PDB file of N, CA and C in Angstrom:
ATOM      1  N   MET A   1      33.814 -39.682 -40.637  1.00  0.00           N
ATOM      2  CA  MET A   1      32.719 -38.838 -40.947  1.00  0.00           C
ATOM      3  C   MET A   1      32.452 -37.883 -39.788  1.00  0.00           C
ATOM      4  N   THR A   2      32.251 -36.659 -40.096  1.00  0.00           N
ATOM      5  CA  THR A   2      32.014 -35.663 -39.054  1.00  0.00           C
ATOM      6  C   THR A   2      30.510 -35.417 -38.914  1.00  0.00           C
ATOM      7  N   GLU A   3      30.121 -35.210 -37.706  1.00  0.00           N
ATOM      8  CA  GLU A   3      28.715 -34.923 -37.449  1.00  0.00           C
ATOM      9  C   GLU A   3      28.487 -33.423 -37.496  1.00  0.00           C
ATOM     10  N   PRO A   4      27.305 -33.011 -37.982  1.00  0.00           N
ATOM     11  CA  PRO A   4      27.036 -31.566 -38.018  1.00  0.00           C
ATOM     12  C   PRO A   4      26.905 -31.011 -36.591  1.00  0.00           C
ATOM     13  N   VAL A   5      27.422 -29.826 -36.433  1.00  0.00           N
ATOM     14  CA  VAL A   5      27.375 -29.160 -35.128  1.00  0.00           C
ATOM     15  C   VAL A   5      26.075 -28.354 -35.053  1.00  0.00           C
ATOM     16  N   ALA A   6      25.311 -28.576 -34.017  1.00  0.00           N
ATOM     17  CA  ALA A   6      24.049 -27.849 -33.839  1.00  0.00           C
ATOM     18  C   ALA A   6      24.356 -26.430 -33.382  1.00  0.00           C
ATOM     19  N   ALA A   7      23.588 -25.520 -33.921  1.00  0.00           N
ATOM     20  CA  ALA A   7      23.757 -24.116 -33.526  1.00  0.00           C
ATOM     21  C   ALA A   7      23.248 -23.945 -32.103  1.00  0.00           C
ATOM     22  N   THR A   8      24.057 -23.297 -31.299  1.00  0.00           N
ATOM     23  CA  THR A   8      23.651 -23.086 -29.908  1.00  0.00           C
ATOM     24  C   THR A   8      22.924 -21.752 -29.795  1.00  0.00           C
ATOM     25  N   VAL A   9      21.867 -21.784 -29.080  1.00  0.00           N
ATOM     26  CA  VAL A   9      21.087 -20.566 -28.840  1.00  0.00           C
ATOM     27  C   VAL A   9      21.572 -19.952 -27.540  1.00  0.00           C
ATOM     28  N   PRO A  10      21.914 -18.681 -27.572  1.00  0.00           N
ATOM     29  CA  PRO A  10      22.382 -18.066 -26.329  1.00  0.00           C
ATOM     30  C   PRO A  10      21.250 -18.034 -25.288  1.00  0.00           C
ATOM     31  N   VAL A  11      21.592 -18.356 -24.095  1.00  0.00           N
ATOM     32  CA  VAL A  11      20.615 -18.374 -23.008  1.00  0.00           C
ATOM     33  C   VAL A  11      20.541 -16.978 -22.404  1.00  0.00           C
ATOM     34  N   VAL A  12      19.351 -16.437 -22.429  1.00  0.00           N
ATOM     35  CA  VAL A  12      19.130 -15.116 -21.841  1.00  0.00           C
ATOM     36  C   VAL A  12      18.725 -15.319 -20.389  1.00  0.00           C
ATOM     37  N   PRO A  13      19.478 -14.743 -19.482  1.00  0.00           N
ATOM     38  CA  PRO A  13      19.111 -14.940 -18.078  1.00  0.00           C
ATOM     39  C   PRO A  13      17.811 -14.188 -17.758  1.00  0.00           C
ATOM     40  N   THR A  14      16.908 -14.874 -17.094  1.00  0.00           N
ATOM     41  CA  THR A  14      15.661 -14.243 -16.688  1.00  0.00           C
ATOM     42  C   THR A  14      15.752 -13.870 -15.214  1.00  0.00           C
ATOM     43  N   LEU A  15      15.132 -12.783 -14.879  1.00  0.00           N
ATOM     44  CA  LEU A  15      15.138 -12.337 -13.496  1.00  0.00           C
ATOM     45  C   LEU A  15      14.127 -13.141 -12.693  1.00  0.00           C
ATOM     46  N   GLY A  16      14.513 -13.505 -11.498  1.00  0.00           N
ATOM     47  CA  GLY A  16      13.626 -14.273 -10.629  1.00  0.00           C
ATOM     48  C   GLY A  16      12.597 -13.381  -9.948  1.00  0.00           C
ATOM     49  N   ARG A  17      11.624 -14.030  -9.333  1.00  0.00           N
ATOM     50  CA  ARG A  17      10.607 -13.293  -8.595  1.00  0.00           C
ATOM     51  C   ARG A  17      11.222 -12.624  -7.379  1.00  0.00           C
ATOM     52  N   ASN A  18      10.742 -11.457  -7.128  1.00  0.00           N
ATOM     53  CA  ASN A  18      11.204 -10.718  -5.969  1.00  0.00           C
ATOM     54  C   ASN A  18      10.128 -10.809  -4.900  1.00  0.00           C
ATOM     55  N   ARG A  19      10.188 -11.845  -4.094  1.00  0.00           N
ATOM     56  CA  ARG A  19       9.150 -12.086  -3.098  1.00  0.00           C
ATOM     57  C   ARG A  19       9.119 -11.024  -2.021  1.00  0.00           C
ATOM     58  N   VAL A  20      10.258 -10.447  -1.723  1.00  0.00           N
ATOM     59  CA  VAL A  20      10.294  -9.368  -0.744  1.00  0.00           C
ATOM     60  C   VAL A  20       9.571  -8.144  -1.316  1.00  0.00           C
ATOM     61  N   GLY A  21       9.761  -7.876  -2.600  1.00  0.00           N
ATOM     62  CA  GLY A  21       9.073  -6.769  -3.246  1.00  0.00           C
ATOM     63  C   GLY A  21       7.566  -6.984  -3.305  1.00  0.00           C
ATOM     64  N   ILE A  22       7.160  -8.223  -3.548  1.00  0.00           N
ATOM     65  CA  ILE A  22       5.730  -8.533  -3.580  1.00  0.00           C
ATOM     66  C   ILE A  22       5.131  -8.342  -2.187  1.00  0.00           C
ATOM     67  N   ALA A  23       5.828  -8.804  -1.163  1.00  0.00           N
ATOM     68  CA  ALA A  23       5.339  -8.629   0.207  1.00  0.00           C
ATOM     69  C   ALA A  23       5.249  -7.153   0.572  1.00  0.00           C
ATOM     70  N   ALA A  24       6.238  -6.366   0.140  1.00  0.00           N
ATOM     71  CA  ALA A  24       6.217  -4.927   0.413  1.00  0.00           C
ATOM     72  C   ALA A  24       5.028  -4.264  -0.274  1.00  0.00           C
ATOM     73  N   LEU A  25       4.770  -4.635  -1.513  1.00  0.00           N
ATOM     74  CA  LEU A  25       3.647  -4.050  -2.243  1.00  0.00           C
ATOM     75  C   LEU A  25       2.316  -4.426  -1.603  1.00  0.00           C
ATOM     76  N   ILE A  26       2.190  -5.659  -1.144  1.00  0.00           N
ATOM     77  CA  ILE A  26       0.947  -6.088  -0.490  1.00  0.00           C
ATOM     78  C   ILE A  26       0.732  -5.307   0.802  1.00  0.00           C
ATOM     79  N   LEU A  27       1.766  -5.125   1.594  1.00  0.00           N
ATOM     80  CA  LEU A  27       1.635  -4.367   2.838  1.00  0.00           C
ATOM     81  C   LEU A  27       1.224  -2.924   2.575  1.00  0.00           C
ATOM     82  N   VAL A  28       1.820  -2.320   1.568  1.00  0.00           N
ATOM     83  CA  VAL A  28       1.488  -0.935   1.244  1.00  0.00           C
ATOM     84  C   VAL A  28       0.058  -0.825   0.723  1.00  0.00           C
ATOM     85  N   LEU A  29      -0.367  -1.765  -0.102  1.00  0.00           N
ATOM     86  CA  LEU A  29      -1.735  -1.725  -0.612  1.00  0.00           C
ATOM     87  C   LEU A  29      -2.755  -1.935   0.500  1.00  0.00           C
ATOM     88  N   VAL A  30      -2.431  -2.759   1.477  1.00  0.00           N
ATOM     89  CA  VAL A  30      -3.316  -2.927   2.640  1.00  0.00           C
ATOM     90  C   VAL A  30      -3.405  -1.615   3.418  1.00  0.00           C
ATOM     91  N   ALA A  31      -2.269  -0.947   3.579  1.00  0.00           N
ATOM     92  CA  ALA A  31      -2.255   0.325   4.305  1.00  0.00           C
ATOM     93  C   ALA A  31      -3.039   1.405   3.573  1.00  0.00           C
ATOM     94  N   ILE A  32      -3.114   1.320   2.256  1.00  0.00           N
ATOM     95  CA  ILE A  32      -3.886   2.291   1.484  1.00  0.00           C
ATOM     96  C   ILE A  32      -5.373   1.931   1.495  1.00  0.00           C
ATOM     97  N   ALA A  33      -5.682   0.650   1.351  1.00  0.00           N
ATOM     98  CA  ALA A  33      -7.069   0.228   1.187  1.00  0.00           C
ATOM     99  C   ALA A  33      -7.850   0.222   2.494  1.00  0.00           C
ATOM    100  N   LEU A  34      -7.212  -0.030   3.613  1.00  0.00           N
ATOM    101  CA  LEU A  34      -7.935  -0.169   4.864  1.00  0.00           C
ATOM    102  C   LEU A  34      -8.712   1.084   5.274  1.00  0.00           C
ATOM    103  N   PRO A  35      -8.138   2.288   5.234  1.00  0.00           N
ATOM    104  CA  PRO A  35      -8.948   3.471   5.577  1.00  0.00           C
ATOM    105  C   PRO A  35     -10.116   3.705   4.616  1.00  0.00           C
ATOM    106  N   ILE A  36      -9.931   3.383   3.361  1.00  0.00           N
ATOM    107  CA  ILE A  36     -11.023   3.531   2.395  1.00  0.00           C
ATOM    108  C   ILE A  36     -12.142   2.557   2.724  1.00  0.00           C
ATOM    109  N   ILE A  37     -11.792   1.327   3.061  1.00  0.00           N
ATOM    110  CA  ILE A  37     -12.794   0.326   3.427  1.00  0.00           C
ATOM    111  C   ILE A  37     -13.506   0.729   4.718  1.00  0.00           C
ATOM    112  N   VAL A  38     -12.765   1.273   5.681  1.00  0.00           N
ATOM    113  CA  VAL A  38     -13.373   1.720   6.938  1.00  0.00           C
ATOM    114  C   VAL A  38     -14.394   2.818   6.664  1.00  0.00           C
ATOM    115  N   PHE A  39     -14.052   3.770   5.804  1.00  0.00           N
ATOM    116  CA  PHE A  39     -14.980   4.858   5.468  1.00  0.00           C
ATOM    117  C   PHE A  39     -16.246   4.310   4.812  1.00  0.00           C
ATOM    118  N   ILE A  40     -16.086   3.413   3.859  1.00  0.00           N
ATOM    119  CA  ILE A  40     -17.249   2.858   3.153  1.00  0.00           C
ATOM    120  C   ILE A  40     -18.132   2.054   4.104  1.00  0.00           C
ATOM    121  N   VAL A  41     -17.532   1.245   4.959  1.00  0.00           N
ATOM    122  CA  VAL A  41     -18.314   0.444   5.907  1.00  0.00           C
ATOM    123  C   VAL A  41     -19.051   1.350   6.887  1.00  0.00           C
ATOM    124  N   PHE A  42     -18.393   2.389   7.363  1.00  0.00           N
ATOM    125  CA  PHE A  42     -19.032   3.303   8.303  1.00  0.00           C
ATOM    126  C   PHE A  42     -20.205   4.014   7.648  1.00  0.00           C
ATOM    127  N   LEU A  43     -20.046   4.445   6.407  1.00  0.00           N
ATOM    128  CA  LEU A  43     -21.121   5.134   5.702  1.00  0.00           C
ATOM    129  C   LEU A  43     -22.286   4.192   5.414  1.00  0.00           C
ATOM    130  N   ILE A  44     -21.997   2.972   5.014  1.00  0.00           N
ATOM    131  CA  ILE A  44     -23.065   2.005   4.744  1.00  0.00           C
ATOM    132  C   ILE A  44     -23.791   1.644   6.033  1.00  0.00           C
ATOM    133  N   ALA A  45     -23.062   1.510   7.132  1.00  0.00           N
ATOM    134  CA  ALA A  45     -23.702   1.185   8.407  1.00  0.00           C
ATOM    135  C   ALA A  45     -24.639   2.298   8.853  1.00  0.00           C
ATOM    136  N   SER A  46     -24.246   3.543   8.614  1.00  0.00           N
ATOM    137  CA  SER A  46     -25.128   4.641   9.012  1.00  0.00           C
ATOM    138  C   SER A  46     -26.359   4.705   8.117  1.00  0.00           C
ATOM    139  N   LEU A  47     -26.198   4.388   6.842  1.00  0.00           N
ATOM    140  CA  LEU A  47     -27.359   4.375   5.951  1.00  0.00           C
ATOM    141  C   LEU A  47     -28.281   3.208   6.280  1.00  0.00           C
ATOM    142  N   GLY A  48     -27.719   2.107   6.711  1.00  0.00           N
ATOM    143  CA  GLY A  48     -28.526   0.948   7.075  1.00  0.00           C
ATOM    144  C   GLY A  48     -29.306   1.175   8.358  1.00  0.00           C
ATOM    145  N   ALA A  49     -28.840   2.102   9.188  1.00  0.00           N
ATOM    146  CA  ALA A  49     -29.530   2.398  10.438  1.00  0.00           C
ATOM    147  C   ALA A  49     -30.708   3.340  10.223  1.00  0.00           C
ATOM    148  N   GLY A  50     -30.940   3.734   8.984  1.00  0.00           N
ATOM    149  CA  GLY A  50     -32.084   4.588   8.678  1.00  0.00           C
ATOM    150  C   GLY A  50     -31.787   6.074   8.694  1.00  0.00           C
ATOM    151  N   ALA A  51     -30.547   6.458   8.492  1.00  0.00           N
ATOM    152  CA  ALA A  51     -30.188   7.870   8.482  1.00  0.00           C
ATOM    153  C   ALA A  51     -30.763   8.549   7.246  1.00  0.00           C
ATOM    154  N   ARG A  52     -31.254   9.772   7.429  1.00  0.00           N
ATOM    155  CA  ARG A  52     -31.825  10.549   6.329  1.00  0.00           C
ATOM    156  C   ARG A  52     -31.342  11.993   6.436  1.00  0.00           C
ATOM    157  N   GLY A  53     -31.287  12.657   5.302  1.00  0.00           N
ATOM    158  CA  GLY A  53     -30.983  14.084   5.272  1.00  0.00           C
ATOM    159  C   GLY A  53     -29.622  14.425   5.833  1.00  0.00           C
ATOM    160  N   ASP A  54     -29.638  15.313   6.839  1.00  0.00           N
ATOM    161  CA  ASP A  54     -28.381  15.767   7.430  1.00  0.00           C
ATOM    162  C   ASP A  54     -27.632  14.655   8.145  1.00  0.00           C
ATOM    163  N   ASP A  55     -28.371  13.658   8.606  1.00  0.00           N
ATOM    164  CA  ASP A  55     -27.709  12.552   9.304  1.00  0.00           C
ATOM    165  C   ASP A  55     -26.722  11.823   8.395  1.00  0.00           C
ATOM    166  N   VAL A  56     -27.048  11.749   7.102  1.00  0.00           N
ATOM    167  CA  VAL A  56     -26.127  11.098   6.161  1.00  0.00           C
ATOM    168  C   VAL A  56     -24.845  11.922   6.032  1.00  0.00           C
ATOM    169  N   GLY A  57     -24.982  13.238   5.981  1.00  0.00           N
ATOM    170  CA  GLY A  57     -23.803  14.098   5.911  1.00  0.00           C
ATOM    171  C   GLY A  57     -22.947  13.986   7.153  1.00  0.00           C
ATOM    172  N   TRP A  58     -23.594  13.978   8.331  1.00  0.00           N
ATOM    173  CA  TRP A  58     -22.836  13.832   9.566  1.00  0.00           C
ATOM    174  C   TRP A  58     -22.192  12.460   9.655  1.00  0.00           C
ATOM    175  N   ALA A  59     -22.880  11.445   9.153  1.00  0.00           N
ATOM    176  CA  ALA A  59     -22.303  10.100   9.136  1.00  0.00           C
ATOM    177  C   ALA A  59     -21.092  10.047   8.207  1.00  0.00           C
ATOM    178  N   GLY A  60     -21.191  10.714   7.059  1.00  0.00           N
ATOM    179  CA  GLY A  60     -20.055  10.770   6.147  1.00  0.00           C
ATOM    180  C   GLY A  60     -18.873  11.485   6.766  1.00  0.00           C
ATOM    181  N   LEU A  61     -19.142  12.582   7.475  1.00  0.00           N
ATOM    182  CA  LEU A  61     -18.081  13.328   8.144  1.00  0.00           C
ATOM    183  C   LEU A  61     -17.458  12.498   9.266  1.00  0.00           C
ATOM    184  N   GLY A  62     -18.301  11.802  10.028  1.00  0.00           N
ATOM    185  CA  GLY A  62     -17.776  10.923  11.080  1.00  0.00           C
ATOM    186  C   GLY A  62     -16.955   9.783  10.494  1.00  0.00           C
ATOM    187  N   GLY A  63     -17.447   9.220   9.371  1.00  0.00           N
ATOM    188  CA  GLY A  63     -16.686   8.159   8.701  1.00  0.00           C
ATOM    189  C   GLY A  63     -15.341   8.647   8.206  1.00  0.00           C
ATOM    190  N   PHE A  64     -15.307   9.889   7.739  1.00  0.00           N
ATOM    191  CA  PHE A  64     -14.038  10.472   7.293  1.00  0.00           C
ATOM    192  C   PHE A  64     -13.057  10.582   8.448  1.00  0.00           C
ATOM    193  N   PHE A  65     -13.531  11.083   9.601  1.00  0.00           N
ATOM    194  CA  PHE A  65     -12.633  11.226  10.747  1.00  0.00           C
ATOM    195  C   PHE A  65     -12.161   9.873  11.275  1.00  0.00           C
ATOM    196  N   ILE A  66     -13.036   8.881  11.255  1.00  0.00           N
ATOM    197  CA  ILE A  66     -12.630   7.550  11.693  1.00  0.00           C
ATOM    198  C   ILE A  66     -11.623   6.950  10.706  1.00  0.00           C
ATOM    199  N   ALA A  67     -11.819   7.206   9.404  1.00  0.00           N
ATOM    200  CA  ALA A  67     -10.864   6.711   8.405  1.00  0.00           C
ATOM    201  C   ALA A  67      -9.507   7.380   8.585  1.00  0.00           C
ATOM    202  N   VAL A  68      -9.503   8.685   8.874  1.00  0.00           N
ATOM    203  CA  VAL A  68      -8.238   9.381   9.115  1.00  0.00           C
ATOM    204  C   VAL A  68      -7.564   8.837  10.369  1.00  0.00           C
ATOM    205  N   ALA A  69      -8.369   8.538  11.394  1.00  0.00           N
ATOM    206  CA  ALA A  69      -7.787   7.956  12.605  1.00  0.00           C
ATOM    207  C   ALA A  69      -7.218   6.568  12.332  1.00  0.00           C
ATOM    208  N   SER A  70      -7.858   5.819  11.435  1.00  0.00           N
ATOM    209  CA  SER A  70      -7.341   4.480  11.132  1.00  0.00           C
ATOM    210  C   SER A  70      -6.029   4.541  10.356  1.00  0.00           C
ATOM    211  N   ILE A  71      -5.776   5.659   9.696  1.00  0.00           N
ATOM    212  CA  ILE A  71      -4.495   5.816   8.987  1.00  0.00           C
ATOM    213  C   ILE A  71      -3.336   5.763   9.977  1.00  0.00           C
ATOM    214  N   THR A  72      -3.534   6.326  11.167  1.00  0.00           N
ATOM    215  CA  THR A  72      -2.449   6.306  12.145  1.00  0.00           C
ATOM    216  C   THR A  72      -2.143   4.887  12.608  1.00  0.00           C
ATOM    217  N   PHE A  73      -3.146   4.006  12.548  1.00  0.00           N
ATOM    218  CA  PHE A  73      -2.905   2.627  12.951  1.00  0.00           C
ATOM    219  C   PHE A  73      -2.258   1.794  11.841  1.00  0.00           C
ATOM    220  N   VAL A  74      -2.501   2.159  10.580  1.00  0.00           N
ATOM    221  CA  VAL A  74      -1.922   1.378   9.481  1.00  0.00           C
ATOM    222  C   VAL A  74      -0.630   1.998   8.959  1.00  0.00           C
ATOM    223  N   SER A  75      -0.264   3.163   9.456  1.00  0.00           N
ATOM    224  CA  SER A  75       0.992   3.776   9.020  1.00  0.00           C
ATOM    225  C   SER A  75       2.218   2.926   9.335  1.00  0.00           C
ATOM    226  N   PRO A  76       2.290   2.266  10.487  1.00  0.00           N
ATOM    227  CA  PRO A  76       3.442   1.377  10.704  1.00  0.00           C
ATOM    228  C   PRO A  76       3.516   0.244   9.680  1.00  0.00           C
ATOM    229  N   ILE A  77       2.364  -0.224   9.209  1.00  0.00           N
ATOM    230  CA  ILE A  77       2.370  -1.250   8.160  1.00  0.00           C
ATOM    231  C   ILE A  77       2.979  -0.676   6.884  1.00  0.00           C
ATOM    232  N   ALA A  78       2.634   0.574   6.568  1.00  0.00           N
ATOM    233  CA  ALA A  78       3.201   1.217   5.386  1.00  0.00           C
ATOM    234  C   ALA A  78       4.703   1.449   5.541  1.00  0.00           C
ATOM    235  N   ILE A  79       5.129   1.788   6.752  1.00  0.00           N
ATOM    236  CA  ILE A  79       6.563   1.990   6.986  1.00  0.00           C
ATOM    237  C   ILE A  79       7.321   0.684   6.768  1.00  0.00           C
ATOM    238  N   VAL A  80       6.775  -0.411   7.271  1.00  0.00           N
ATOM    239  CA  VAL A  80       7.403  -1.725   7.048  1.00  0.00           C
ATOM    240  C   VAL A  80       7.426  -2.044   5.556  1.00  0.00           C
ATOM    241  N   GLY A  81       6.338  -1.715   4.844  1.00  0.00           N
ATOM    242  CA  GLY A  81       6.290  -1.947   3.404  1.00  0.00           C
ATOM    243  C   GLY A  81       7.334  -1.151   2.649  1.00  0.00           C
ATOM    244  N   VAL A  82       7.546   0.104   3.039  1.00  0.00           N
ATOM    245  CA  VAL A  82       8.563   0.935   2.373  1.00  0.00           C
ATOM    246  C   VAL A  82       9.962   0.393   2.662  1.00  0.00           C
ATOM    247  N   VAL A  83      10.206  -0.008   3.895  1.00  0.00           N
ATOM    248  CA  VAL A  83      11.528  -0.558   4.244  1.00  0.00           C
ATOM    249  C   VAL A  83      11.779  -1.849   3.466  1.00  0.00           C
ATOM    250  N   LEU A  84      10.774  -2.717   3.391  1.00  0.00           N
ATOM    251  CA  LEU A  84      10.935  -3.940   2.603  1.00  0.00           C
ATOM    252  C   LEU A  84      11.111  -3.619   1.119  1.00  0.00           C
ATOM    253  N   GLY A  85      10.444  -2.565   0.639  1.00  0.00           N
ATOM    254  CA  GLY A  85      10.623  -2.150  -0.753  1.00  0.00           C
ATOM    255  C   GLY A  85      12.046  -1.698  -1.034  1.00  0.00           C
ATOM    256  N   ILE A  86      12.620  -0.981  -0.088  1.00  0.00           N
ATOM    257  CA  ILE A  86      14.009  -0.546  -0.249  1.00  0.00           C
ATOM    258  C   ILE A  86      14.953  -1.746  -0.232  1.00  0.00           C
ATOM    259  N   VAL A  87      14.691  -2.685   0.667  1.00  0.00           N
ATOM    260  CA  VAL A  87      15.514  -3.901   0.708  1.00  0.00           C
ATOM    261  C   VAL A  87      15.380  -4.668  -0.601  1.00  0.00           C
ATOM    262  N   ALA A  88      14.156  -4.795  -1.108  1.00  0.00           N
ATOM    263  CA  ALA A  88      13.923  -5.538  -2.353  1.00  0.00           C
ATOM    264  C   ALA A  88      14.533  -4.830  -3.552  1.00  0.00           C
ATOM    265  N   LEU A  89      14.667  -3.525  -3.465  1.00  0.00           N
ATOM    266  CA  LEU A  89      15.245  -2.771  -4.576  1.00  0.00           C
ATOM    267  C   LEU A  89      16.721  -3.092  -4.771  1.00  0.00           C
ATOM    268  N   PHE A  90      17.392  -3.447  -3.703  1.00  0.00           N
ATOM    269  CA  PHE A  90      18.826  -3.704  -3.789  1.00  0.00           C
ATOM    270  C   PHE A  90      19.174  -5.190  -3.891  1.00  0.00           C
ATOM    271  N   ARG A  91      18.186  -6.040  -4.095  1.00  0.00           N
ATOM    272  CA  ARG A  91      18.462  -7.465  -4.289  1.00  0.00           C
ATOM    273  C   ARG A  91      18.835  -7.699  -5.740  1.00  0.00           C
ATOM    274  N   HIS A  92      19.936  -8.372  -5.953  1.00  0.00           N
ATOM    275  CA  HIS A  92      20.447  -8.598  -7.301  1.00  0.00           C
ATOM    276  C   HIS A  92      19.773  -9.807  -7.937  1.00  0.00           C
ATOM    277  N   GLY A  93      19.571  -9.723  -9.242  1.00  0.00           N
ATOM    278  CA  GLY A  93      19.035 -10.840  -9.999  1.00  0.00           C
ATOM    279  C   GLY A  93      17.543 -11.053  -9.833  1.00  0.00           C
ATOM    280  N   GLN A  94      16.843 -10.036  -9.343  1.00  0.00           N
ATOM    281  CA  GLN A  94      15.407 -10.169  -9.155  1.00  0.00           C
ATOM    282  C   GLN A  94      14.707  -8.939  -9.723  1.00  0.00           C
ATOM    283  N   ARG A  95      13.424  -9.114 -10.001  1.00  0.00           N
ATOM    284  CA  ARG A  95      12.643  -8.023 -10.595  1.00  0.00           C
ATOM    285  C   ARG A  95      12.494  -6.865  -9.612  1.00  0.00           C
ATOM    286  N   LYS A  96      12.386  -5.662 -10.172  1.00  0.00           N
ATOM    287  CA  LYS A  96      12.333  -4.465  -9.340  1.00  0.00           C
ATOM    288  C   LYS A  96      10.990  -3.722  -9.341  1.00  0.00           C
ATOM    289  N   PRO A  97      10.050  -3.937 -10.296  1.00  0.00           N
ATOM    290  CA  PRO A  97       8.849  -3.093 -10.331  1.00  0.00           C
ATOM    291  C   PRO A  97       8.016  -3.126  -9.057  1.00  0.00           C
ATOM    292  N   GLN A  98       7.889  -4.270  -8.408  1.00  0.00           N
ATOM    293  CA  GLN A  98       7.100  -4.334  -7.186  1.00  0.00           C
ATOM    294  C   GLN A  98       7.735  -3.481  -6.091  1.00  0.00           C
ATOM    295  N   ALA A  99       9.046  -3.513  -6.005  1.00  0.00           N
ATOM    296  CA  ALA A  99       9.742  -2.725  -4.989  1.00  0.00           C
ATOM    297  C   ALA A  99       9.566  -1.239  -5.249  1.00  0.00           C
ATOM    298  N   ILE A 100       9.676  -0.839  -6.507  1.00  0.00           N
ATOM    299  CA  ILE A 100       9.525   0.573  -6.845  1.00  0.00           C
ATOM    300  C   ILE A 100       8.100   1.035  -6.549  1.00  0.00           C
ATOM    301  N   LEU A 101       7.104   0.231  -6.920  1.00  0.00           N
ATOM    302  CA  LEU A 101       5.711   0.594  -6.649  1.00  0.00           C
ATOM    303  C   LEU A 101       5.443   0.662  -5.151  1.00  0.00           C
ATOM    304  N   ALA A 102       6.012  -0.248  -4.383  1.00  0.00           N
ATOM    305  CA  ALA A 102       5.817  -0.234  -2.937  1.00  0.00           C
ATOM    306  C   ALA A 102       6.387   1.040  -2.320  1.00  0.00           C
ATOM    307  N   ILE A 103       7.531   1.471  -2.800  1.00  0.00           N
ATOM    308  CA  ILE A 103       8.138   2.691  -2.275  1.00  0.00           C
ATOM    309  C   ILE A 103       7.314   3.909  -2.667  1.00  0.00           C
ATOM    310  N   VAL A 104       6.903   3.980  -3.931  1.00  0.00           N
ATOM    311  CA  VAL A 104       6.157   5.146  -4.415  1.00  0.00           C
ATOM    312  C   VAL A 104       4.798   5.252  -3.729  1.00  0.00           C
ATOM    313  N   PHE A 105       4.067   4.128  -3.655  1.00  0.00           N
ATOM    314  CA  PHE A 105       2.732   4.163  -3.055  1.00  0.00           C
ATOM    315  C   PHE A 105       2.784   4.234  -1.526  1.00  0.00           C
ATOM    316  N   GLY A 106       3.863   3.803  -0.927  1.00  0.00           N
ATOM    317  CA  GLY A 106       3.932   3.731   0.529  1.00  0.00           C
ATOM    318  C   GLY A 106       4.441   4.976   1.216  1.00  0.00           C
ATOM    319  N   ILE A 107       4.973   5.917   0.470  1.00  0.00           N
ATOM    320  CA  ILE A 107       5.534   7.103   1.108  1.00  0.00           C
ATOM    321  C   ILE A 107       4.451   7.942   1.781  1.00  0.00           C
ATOM    322  N   ALA A 108       3.326   8.172   1.114  1.00  0.00           N
ATOM    323  CA  ALA A 108       2.262   9.008   1.691  1.00  0.00           C
ATOM    324  C   ALA A 108       1.670   8.384   2.955  1.00  0.00           C
ATOM    325  N   PRO A 109       1.272   7.096   2.945  1.00  0.00           N
ATOM    326  CA  PRO A 109       0.758   6.543   4.203  1.00  0.00           C
ATOM    327  C   PRO A 109       1.818   6.452   5.298  1.00  0.00           C
ATOM    328  N   ALA A 110       3.059   6.260   4.922  1.00  0.00           N
ATOM    329  CA  ALA A 110       4.115   6.172   5.927  1.00  0.00           C
ATOM    330  C   ALA A 110       4.359   7.530   6.585  1.00  0.00           C
ATOM    331  N   LEU A 111       4.257   8.597   5.825  1.00  0.00           N
ATOM    332  CA  LEU A 111       4.455   9.934   6.387  1.00  0.00           C
ATOM    333  C   LEU A 111       3.222  10.431   7.125  1.00  0.00           C
ATOM    334  N   ALA A 112       2.076   9.789   6.910  1.00  0.00           N
ATOM    335  CA  ALA A 112       0.847  10.204   7.587  1.00  0.00           C
ATOM    336  C   ALA A 112       0.951  10.010   9.092  1.00  0.00           C
ATOM    337  N   VAL A 113       1.780   9.094   9.530  1.00  0.00           N
ATOM    338  CA  VAL A 113       1.936   8.874  10.963  1.00  0.00           C
ATOM    339  C   VAL A 113       2.521  10.128  11.630  1.00  0.00           C
ATOM    340  N   PHE A 114       3.248  10.935  10.881  1.00  0.00           N
ATOM    341  CA  PHE A 114       3.790  12.179  11.423  1.00  0.00           C
ATOM    342  C   PHE A 114       2.890  13.372  11.115  1.00  0.00           C
ATOM    343  N   GLY A 115       2.204  13.333   9.976  1.00  0.00           N
ATOM    344  CA  GLY A 115       1.397  14.472   9.549  1.00  0.00           C
ATOM    345  C   GLY A 115       0.091  14.620  10.283  1.00  0.00           C
ATOM    346  N   ILE A 116      -0.547  13.521  10.624  1.00  0.00           N
ATOM    347  CA  ILE A 116      -1.858  13.600  11.273  1.00  0.00           C
ATOM    348  C   ILE A 116      -1.772  14.204  12.674  1.00  0.00           C
ATOM    349  N   PRO A 117      -0.839  13.777  13.523  1.00  0.00           N
ATOM    350  CA  PRO A 117      -0.758  14.448  14.835  1.00  0.00           C
ATOM    351  C   PRO A 117      -0.410  15.932  14.717  1.00  0.00           C
ATOM    352  N   ALA A 118       0.413  16.283  13.739  1.00  0.00           N
ATOM    353  CA  ALA A 118       0.733  17.705  13.545  1.00  0.00           C
ATOM    354  C   ALA A 118      -0.495  18.486  13.107  1.00  0.00           C
ATOM    355  N   ALA A 119      -1.310  17.884  12.232  1.00  0.00           N
ATOM    356  CA  ALA A 119      -2.531  18.554  11.777  1.00  0.00           C
ATOM    357  C   ALA A 119      -3.522  18.701  12.926  1.00  0.00           C
ATOM    358  N   ILE A 120      -3.661  17.680  13.763  1.00  0.00           N
ATOM    359  CA  ILE A 120      -4.570  17.761  14.913  1.00  0.00           C
ATOM    360  C   ILE A 120      -4.092  18.827  15.881  1.00  0.00           C
ATOM    361  N   ASP A 121      -2.778  18.899  16.107  1.00  0.00           N
ATOM    362  CA  ASP A 121      -2.235  19.905  17.015  1.00  0.00           C
ATOM    363  C   ASP A 121      -2.478  21.314  16.460  1.00  0.00           C
ATOM    364  N   THR A 122      -2.374  21.472  15.158  1.00  0.00           N
ATOM    365  CA  THR A 122      -2.580  22.779  14.545  1.00  0.00           C
ATOM    366  C   THR A 122      -4.048  23.176  14.568  1.00  0.00           C
ATOM    367  N   LEU A 123      -4.940  22.228  14.264  1.00  0.00           N
ATOM    368  CA  LEU A 123      -6.368  22.559  14.171  1.00  0.00           C
ATOM    369  C   LEU A 123      -7.026  22.727  15.526  1.00  0.00           C
ATOM    370  N   PHE A 124      -6.602  21.972  16.496  1.00  0.00           N
ATOM    371  CA  PHE A 124      -7.304  22.023  17.785  1.00  0.00           C
ATOM    372  C   PHE A 124      -6.365  22.554  18.820  1.00  0.00           C
TER     373      PHE A 124
END
């Protein structure tokens, strides 16, 4: 007596997690979010000190300049994130969206390390 043969279901290979891509995306998002957080904290601190009228505008302008200055400090983090994104992009058998997002979002903060000193030199 022969036994019935069970139909085999083809196994679809799933892509593994790309931990390098996730790390790259986190670094780039930190580099983007930190200057925004610095600006908000600076503005809230000036409002908490009792600033009114023109003082709020000057505080906002000062917060903007401090946030721009903080970009120069977080630009190396963005550069590391872009490099890790490129490395993660070429890893075989792993997901790619995090790496692509890290590269796309990290280019502007990474180039800011060169653009801000040039802008300061031009303006002043």
